[in-house]
C-alpha atoms as a PDB file:
ATOM      1  CA  UNK A   1     217.227 255.160 119.940  1.00  0.00           C
ATOM      2  CA  UNK A   2     217.677 255.718 124.012  1.00  0.00           C
ATOM      3  CA  UNK A   3     216.045 255.355 126.151  1.00  0.00           C
ATOM      4  CA  UNK A   4     212.456 252.845 126.609  1.00  0.00           C
ATOM      5  CA  UNK A   5     210.898 250.749 124.688  1.00  0.00           C
ATOM      6  CA  UNK A   6     208.128 248.590 124.483  1.00  0.00           C
ATOM      7  CA  UNK A   7     209.267 245.316 122.740  1.00  0.00           C
ATOM      8  CA  UNK A   8     205.861 245.167 121.395  1.00  0.00           C
ATOM      9  CA  UNK A   9     206.809 247.994 119.572  1.00  0.00           C
ATOM     10  CA  UNK A  10     210.134 246.644 118.127  1.00  0.00           C
ATOM     11  CA  UNK A  11     208.245 243.152 117.156  1.00  0.00           C
ATOM     12  CA  UNK A  12     207.185 243.908 112.424  1.00  0.00           C
ATOM     13  CA  UNK A  13     209.786 246.624 112.455  1.00  0.00           C
ATOM     14  CA  UNK A  14     211.619 246.953 109.162  1.00  0.00           C
ATOM     15  CA  UNK A  15     215.345 245.214 109.749  1.00  0.00           C
ATOM     16  CA  UNK A  16     217.050 247.379 106.802  1.00  0.00           C
ATOM     17  CA  UNK A  17     221.545 247.572 106.133  1.00  0.00           C
ATOM     18  CA  UNK A  18     223.093 250.858 106.801  1.00  0.00           C
ATOM     19  CA  UNK A  19     223.477 250.714 102.203  1.00  0.00           C
ATOM     20  CA  UNK A  20     218.709 251.308 102.567  1.00  0.00           C
ATOM     21  CA  UNK A  21     218.386 247.446 101.968  1.00  0.00           C
ATOM     22  CA  UNK A  22     215.117 246.395 102.705  1.00  0.00           C
ATOM     23  CA  UNK A  23     216.614 242.677 104.561  1.00  0.00           C
ATOM     24  CA  UNK A  24     213.326 241.599 106.771  1.00  0.00           C
ATOM     25  CA  UNK A  25     211.746 242.445 109.878  1.00  0.00           C
ATOM     26  CA  UNK A  26     211.522 241.780 113.799  1.00  0.00           C
ATOM     27  CA  UNK A  27     209.199 239.054 113.885  1.00  0.00           C
ATOM     28  CA  UNK A  28     209.963 238.022 117.415  1.00  0.00           C
ATOM     29  CA  UNK A  29     212.554 238.297 121.000  1.00  0.00           C
ATOM     30  CA  UNK A  30     214.231 236.280 122.041  1.00  0.00           C
ATOM     31  CA  UNK A  31     215.351 237.692 126.207  1.00  0.00           C
ATOM     32  CA  UNK A  32     217.625 236.500 128.663  1.00  0.00           C
ATOM     33  CA  UNK A  33     215.670 236.405 131.228  1.00  0.00           C
ATOM     34  CA  UNK A  34     218.398 235.574 133.644  1.00  0.00           C
ATOM     35  CA  UNK A  35     220.700 238.106 132.728  1.00  0.00           C
ATOM     36  CA  UNK A  36     217.349 240.308 132.023  1.00  0.00           C
ATOM     37  CA  UNK A  37     218.804 240.838 128.063  1.00  0.00           C
ATOM     38  CA  UNK A  38     218.021 240.623 124.373  1.00  0.00           C
ATOM     39  CA  UNK A  39     219.338 238.187 123.527  1.00  0.00           C
ATOM     40  CA  UNK A  40     218.353 237.855 119.097  1.00  0.00           C
ATOM     41  CA  UNK A  41     215.704 238.642 117.699  1.00  0.00           C
ATOM     42  CA  UNK A  42     213.132 236.341 114.911  1.00  0.00           C
ATOM     43  CA  UNK A  43     212.856 237.630 111.667  1.00  0.00           C
ATOM     44  CA  UNK A  44     210.930 236.876 108.904  1.00  0.00           C
ATOM     45  CA  UNK A  45     210.527 237.795 105.375  1.00  0.00           C
ATOM     46  CA  UNK A  46     209.105 241.398 104.169  1.00  0.00           C
ATOM     47  CA  UNK A  47     206.225 241.052 102.005  1.00  0.00           C
ATOM     48  CA  UNK A  48     202.726 240.074 102.217  1.00  0.00           C
ATOM     49  CA  UNK A  49     203.160 236.712 101.288  1.00  0.00           C
ATOM     50  CA  UNK A  50     206.658 236.114 103.156  1.00  0.00           C
ATOM     51  CA  UNK A  51     206.582 234.173 106.249  1.00  0.00           C
ATOM     52  CA  UNK A  52     209.568 233.281 108.812  1.00  0.00           C
ATOM     53  CA  UNK A  53     213.037 233.433 107.722  1.00  0.00           C
ATOM     54  CA  UNK A  54     215.625 230.674 108.925  1.00  0.00           C
ATOM     55  CA  UNK A  55     218.289 233.412 110.569  1.00  0.00           C
ATOM     56  CA  UNK A  56     217.410 235.470 113.563  1.00  0.00           C
ATOM     57  CA  UNK A  57     219.186 238.306 114.864  1.00  0.00           C
ATOM     58  CA  UNK A  58     221.687 238.669 117.376  1.00  0.00           C
ATOM     59  CA  UNK A  59     221.388 241.853 119.345  1.00  0.00           C
ATOM     60  CA  UNK A  60     225.577 241.896 119.158  1.00  0.00           C
ATOM     61  CA  UNK A  61     225.149 242.501 115.410  1.00  0.00           C
ATOM     62  CA  UNK A  62     222.265 245.253 116.205  1.00  0.00           C
ATOM     63  CA  UNK A  63     223.907 248.443 114.646  1.00  0.00           C
ATOM     64  CA  UNK A  64     221.659 250.830 116.204  1.00  0.00           C
ATOM     65  CA  UNK A  65     217.700 250.149 116.808  1.00  0.00           C
ATOM     66  CA  UNK A  66     214.719 253.489 115.797  1.00  0.00           C
ATOM     67  CA  UNK A  67     211.815 254.084 115.818  1.00  0.00           C
ATOM     68  CA  UNK A  68     211.066 253.189 112.391  1.00  0.00           C
ATOM     69  CA  UNK A  69     213.646 250.577 111.320  1.00  0.00           C
ATOM     70  CA  UNK A  70     216.631 248.337 113.011  1.00  0.00           C
ATOM     71  CA  UNK A  71     219.919 248.422 111.410  1.00  0.00           C
ATOM     72  CA  UNK A  72     222.370 246.328 110.669  1.00  0.00           C
ATOM     73  CA  UNK A  73     225.531 247.125 108.922  1.00  0.00           C
ATOM     74  CA  UNK A  74     225.058 245.021 106.524  1.00  0.00           C
ATOM     75  CA  UNK A  75     223.708 240.975 105.261  1.00  0.00           C
ATOM     76  CA  UNK A  76     226.683 239.468 107.199  1.00  0.00           C
ATOM     77  CA  UNK A  77     224.788 240.116 110.588  1.00  0.00           C
ATOM     78  CA  UNK A  78     222.701 237.951 109.983  1.00  0.00           C
ATOM     79  CA  UNK A  79     222.718 234.691 111.520  1.00  0.00           C
ATOM     80  CA  UNK A  80     223.573 231.314 108.410  1.00  0.00           C
ATOM     81  CA  UNK A  81     220.287 229.697 110.553  1.00  0.00           C
ATOM     82  CA  UNK A  82     218.630 230.265 113.330  1.00  0.00           C
ATOM     83  CA  UNK A  83     219.925 228.163 115.602  1.00  0.00           C
ATOM     84  CA  UNK A  84     220.991 230.550 118.025  1.00  0.00           C
ATOM     85  CA  UNK A  85     217.437 231.412 119.207  1.00  0.00           C
ATOM     86  CA  UNK A  86     216.862 227.546 118.918  1.00  0.00           C
ATOM     87  CA  UNK A  87     219.026 226.561 121.317  1.00  0.00           C
ATOM     88  CA  UNK A  88     217.932 228.927 123.561  1.00  0.00           C
ATOM     89  CA  UNK A  89     214.527 229.240 124.150  1.00  0.00           C
ATOM     90  CA  UNK A  90     215.070 225.039 123.762  1.00  0.00           C
ATOM     91  CA  UNK A  91     217.085 225.241 127.832  1.00  0.00           C
ATOM     92  CA  UNK A  92     213.728 227.321 128.480  1.00  0.00           C
ATOM     93  CA  UNK A  93     214.996 230.902 127.943  1.00  0.00           C
ATOM     94  CA  UNK A  94     212.498 233.430 125.960  1.00  0.00           C
ATOM     95  CA  UNK A  95     209.208 234.203 126.905  1.00  0.00           C
ATOM     96  CA  UNK A  96     207.355 235.892 129.620  1.00  0.00           C
ATOM     97  CA  UNK A  97     204.418 236.782 128.350  1.00  0.00           C
ATOM     98  CA  UNK A  98     201.194 236.243 129.742  1.00  0.00           C
ATOM     99  CA  UNK A  99     203.912 234.956 132.687  1.00  0.00           C
ATOM    100  CA  UNK A 100     202.408 236.550 136.245  1.00  0.00           C
ATOM    101  CA  UNK A 101     204.105 239.278 138.191  1.00  0.00           C
ATOM    102  CA  UNK A 102     204.962 237.699 142.116  1.00  0.00           C
ATOM    103  CA  UNK A 103     205.974 239.388 144.822  1.00  0.00           C
ATOM    104  CA  UNK A 104     209.145 237.359 146.631  1.00  0.00           C
ATOM    105  CA  UNK A 105     205.929 237.679 150.007  1.00  0.00           C
ATOM    106  CA  UNK A 106     203.484 236.936 147.583  1.00  0.00           C
ATOM    107  CA  UNK A 107     201.365 239.940 146.059  1.00  0.00           C
ATOM    108  CA  UNK A 108     200.617 238.774 142.781  1.00  0.00           C
ATOM    109  CA  UNK A 109     201.090 242.397 140.818  1.00  0.00           C
ATOM    110  CA  UNK A 110     199.773 240.948 138.343  1.00  0.00           C
ATOM    111  CA  UNK A 111     199.902 239.309 133.946  1.00  0.00           C
ATOM    112  CA  UNK A 112     202.241 240.589 131.394  1.00  0.00           C
ATOM    113  CA  UNK A 113     201.180 241.498 129.066  1.00  0.00           C
ATOM    114  CA  UNK A 114     204.507 243.523 127.148  1.00  0.00           C
ATOM    115  CA  UNK A 115     207.936 243.969 128.247  1.00  0.00           C
ATOM    116  CA  UNK A 116     209.673 247.239 129.341  1.00  0.00           C
ATOM    117  CA  UNK A 117     213.308 247.307 127.005  1.00  0.00           C
ATOM    118  CA  UNK A 118     215.917 249.986 127.824  1.00  0.00           C
ATOM    119  CA  UNK A 119     217.039 250.828 124.690  1.00  0.00           C
ATOM    120  CA  UNK A 120     221.060 251.589 124.053  1.00  0.00           C
ATOM    121  CA  UNK A 121     224.254 249.720 123.244  1.00  0.00           C
ATOM    122  CA  UNK A 122     223.497 246.409 125.502  1.00  0.00           C
ATOM    123  CA  UNK A 123     219.663 246.463 125.494  1.00  0.00           C
ATOM    124  CA  UNK A 124     218.373 245.935 129.021  1.00  0.00           C
ATOM    125  CA  UNK A 125     214.494 244.493 130.045  1.00  0.00           C
ATOM    126  CA  UNK A 126     213.898 247.674 132.342  1.00  0.00           C
ATOM    127  CA  UNK A 127     210.203 246.348 133.170  1.00  0.00           C
ATOM    128  CA  UNK A 128     207.092 244.765 132.894  1.00  0.00           C
ATOM    129  CA  UNK A 129     203.259 245.838 131.309  1.00  0.00           C
ATOM    130  CA  UNK A 130     201.678 243.845 133.240  1.00  0.00           C
ATOM    131  CA  UNK A 131     196.973 243.774 133.288  1.00  0.00           C
ATOM    132  CA  UNK A 132     197.354 244.969 137.072  1.00  0.00           C
ATOM    133  CA  UNK A 133     195.500 242.174 139.734  1.00  0.00           C
ATOM    134  CA  UNK A 134     191.911 243.157 140.452  1.00  0.00           C
ATOM    135  CA  UNK A 135     191.900 245.890 139.000  1.00  0.00           C
ATOM    136  CA  UNK A 136     189.997 244.769 135.947  1.00  0.00           C
ATOM    137  CA  UNK A 137     192.029 245.812 132.608  1.00  0.00           C
ATOM    138  CA  UNK A 138     193.588 248.465 134.224  1.00  0.00           C
ATOM    139  CA  UNK A 139     198.027 248.766 132.991  1.00  0.00           C
ATOM    140  CA  UNK A 140     200.668 249.560 134.844  1.00  0.00           C
ATOM    141  CA  UNK A 141     204.523 248.848 133.828  1.00  0.00           C
ATOM    142  CA  UNK A 142     206.018 247.976 136.559  1.00  0.00           C
ATOM    143  CA  UNK A 143     210.285 249.043 136.085  1.00  0.00           C
ATOM    144  CA  UNK A 144     211.984 245.268 136.985  1.00  0.00           C
ATOM    145  CA  UNK A 145     215.678 245.978 139.083  1.00  0.00           C
ATOM    146  CA  UNK A 146     215.726 242.544 139.945  1.00  0.00           C
ATOM    147  CA  UNK A 147     214.042 239.597 139.304  1.00  0.00           C
ATOM    148  CA  UNK A 148     214.016 236.878 141.643  1.00  0.00           C
ATOM    149  CA  UNK A 149     213.015 233.929 139.715  1.00  0.00           C
ATOM    150  CA  UNK A 150     211.877 233.796 136.729  1.00  0.00           C
ATOM    151  CA  UNK A 151     210.513 230.239 135.271  1.00  0.00           C
ATOM    152  CA  UNK A 152     207.752 230.718 132.031  1.00  0.00           C
ATOM    153  CA  UNK A 153     205.321 231.314 134.406  1.00  0.00           C
ATOM    154  CA  UNK A 154     205.872 233.038 136.625  1.00  0.00           C
ATOM    155  CA  UNK A 155     208.926 236.197 137.762  1.00  0.00           C
ATOM    156  CA  UNK A 156     209.600 236.872 141.054  1.00  0.00           C
ATOM    157  CA  UNK A 157     210.330 239.959 141.886  1.00  0.00           C
ATOM    158  CA  UNK A 158     210.882 242.094 144.746  1.00  0.00           C
ATOM    159  CA  UNK A 159     208.139 243.643 147.707  1.00  0.00           C
ATOM    160  CA  UNK A 160     208.863 246.548 147.275  1.00  0.00           C
ATOM    161  CA  UNK A 161     208.409 246.682 143.123  1.00  0.00           C
ATOM    162  CA  UNK A 162     204.686 247.225 143.633  1.00  0.00           C
ATOM    163  CA  UNK A 163     205.645 250.189 144.750  1.00  0.00           C
ATOM    164  CA  UNK A 164     207.042 251.740 142.533  1.00  0.00           C
ATOM    165  CA  UNK A 165     205.153 252.217 139.075  1.00  0.00           C
ATOM    166  CA  UNK A 166     203.940 254.020 136.116  1.00  0.00           C
ATOM    167  CA  UNK A 167     201.170 254.431 133.941  1.00  0.00           C
ATOM    168  CA  UNK A 168     203.003 255.291 131.176  1.00  0.00           C
ATOM    169  CA  UNK A 169     206.268 255.561 129.388  1.00  0.00           C
ATOM    170  CA  UNK A 170     206.884 259.180 130.558  1.00  0.00           C
ATOM    171  CA  UNK A 171     206.375 257.905 133.993  1.00  0.00           C
ATOM    172  CA  UNK A 172     208.681 255.394 134.066  1.00  0.00           C
ATOM    173  CA  UNK A 173     212.385 256.112 134.671  1.00  0.00           C
ATOM    174  CA  UNK A 174     210.691 258.239 137.518  1.00  0.00           C
ATOM    175  CA  UNK A 175     209.332 254.455 138.630  1.00  0.00           C
ATOM    176  CA  UNK A 176     212.955 252.848 138.227  1.00  0.00           C
ATOM    177  CA  UNK A 177     214.646 254.693 139.138  1.00  0.00           C
ATOM    178  CA  UNK A 178     212.540 255.075 142.780  1.00  0.00           C
ATOM    179  CA  UNK A 179     212.535 251.504 142.869  1.00  0.00           C
ATOM    180  CA  UNK A 180     216.740 251.057 142.542  1.00  0.00           C
ATOM    181  CA  UNK A 181     217.474 253.573 144.914  1.00  0.00           C
ATOM    182  CA  UNK A 182     214.796 251.691 146.711  1.00  0.00           C
ATOM    183  CA  UNK A 183     216.778 248.511 146.198  1.00  0.00           C
ATOM    184  CA  UNK A 184     219.698 250.205 147.610  1.00  0.00           C
ATOM    185  CA  UNK A 185     219.445 251.044 150.548  1.00  0.00           C
ATOM    186  CA  UNK A 186     217.679 247.962 151.730  1.00  0.00           C
ATOM    187  CA  UNK A 187     221.839 246.624 151.139  1.00  0.00           C
END
């Protein structure tokens, strides 16, 4: 898969081997917010009564991410335990959902309700879907080229970020290009 995808669209996807074996499903996505990358997936079993698995799937072991499944070479891609995600979330990494997106000039852009991922061999956090501040429950997509700071409660972005928004994923690449061009011109 190339292009952009919402993290919520990846959650619940089956994890399938190249041989066609259905081994798990994505439960959560663990982000390295400081680097702007996907760290790993936590997993759950497949089926009605299945719960969380004591394994996770490091992104480096993903063969492909498609619209219908996460592909791995074989079951050896799954970590023996879920220590990768536990270590990372214990050190403060992971969840930005519910955090506020603020510009470094103090403008509240809104509450983060989803993460936009640039899919590919090295997936990156490309932006956020926000419930826009002061606009009811209207949602907008904002690109994030270089966050200034990230905490569990706030993501601080450059002032220009609020000028480059999109209403949907189709318009997101243009907003991302515009922000990148603007920030490169400011340096």
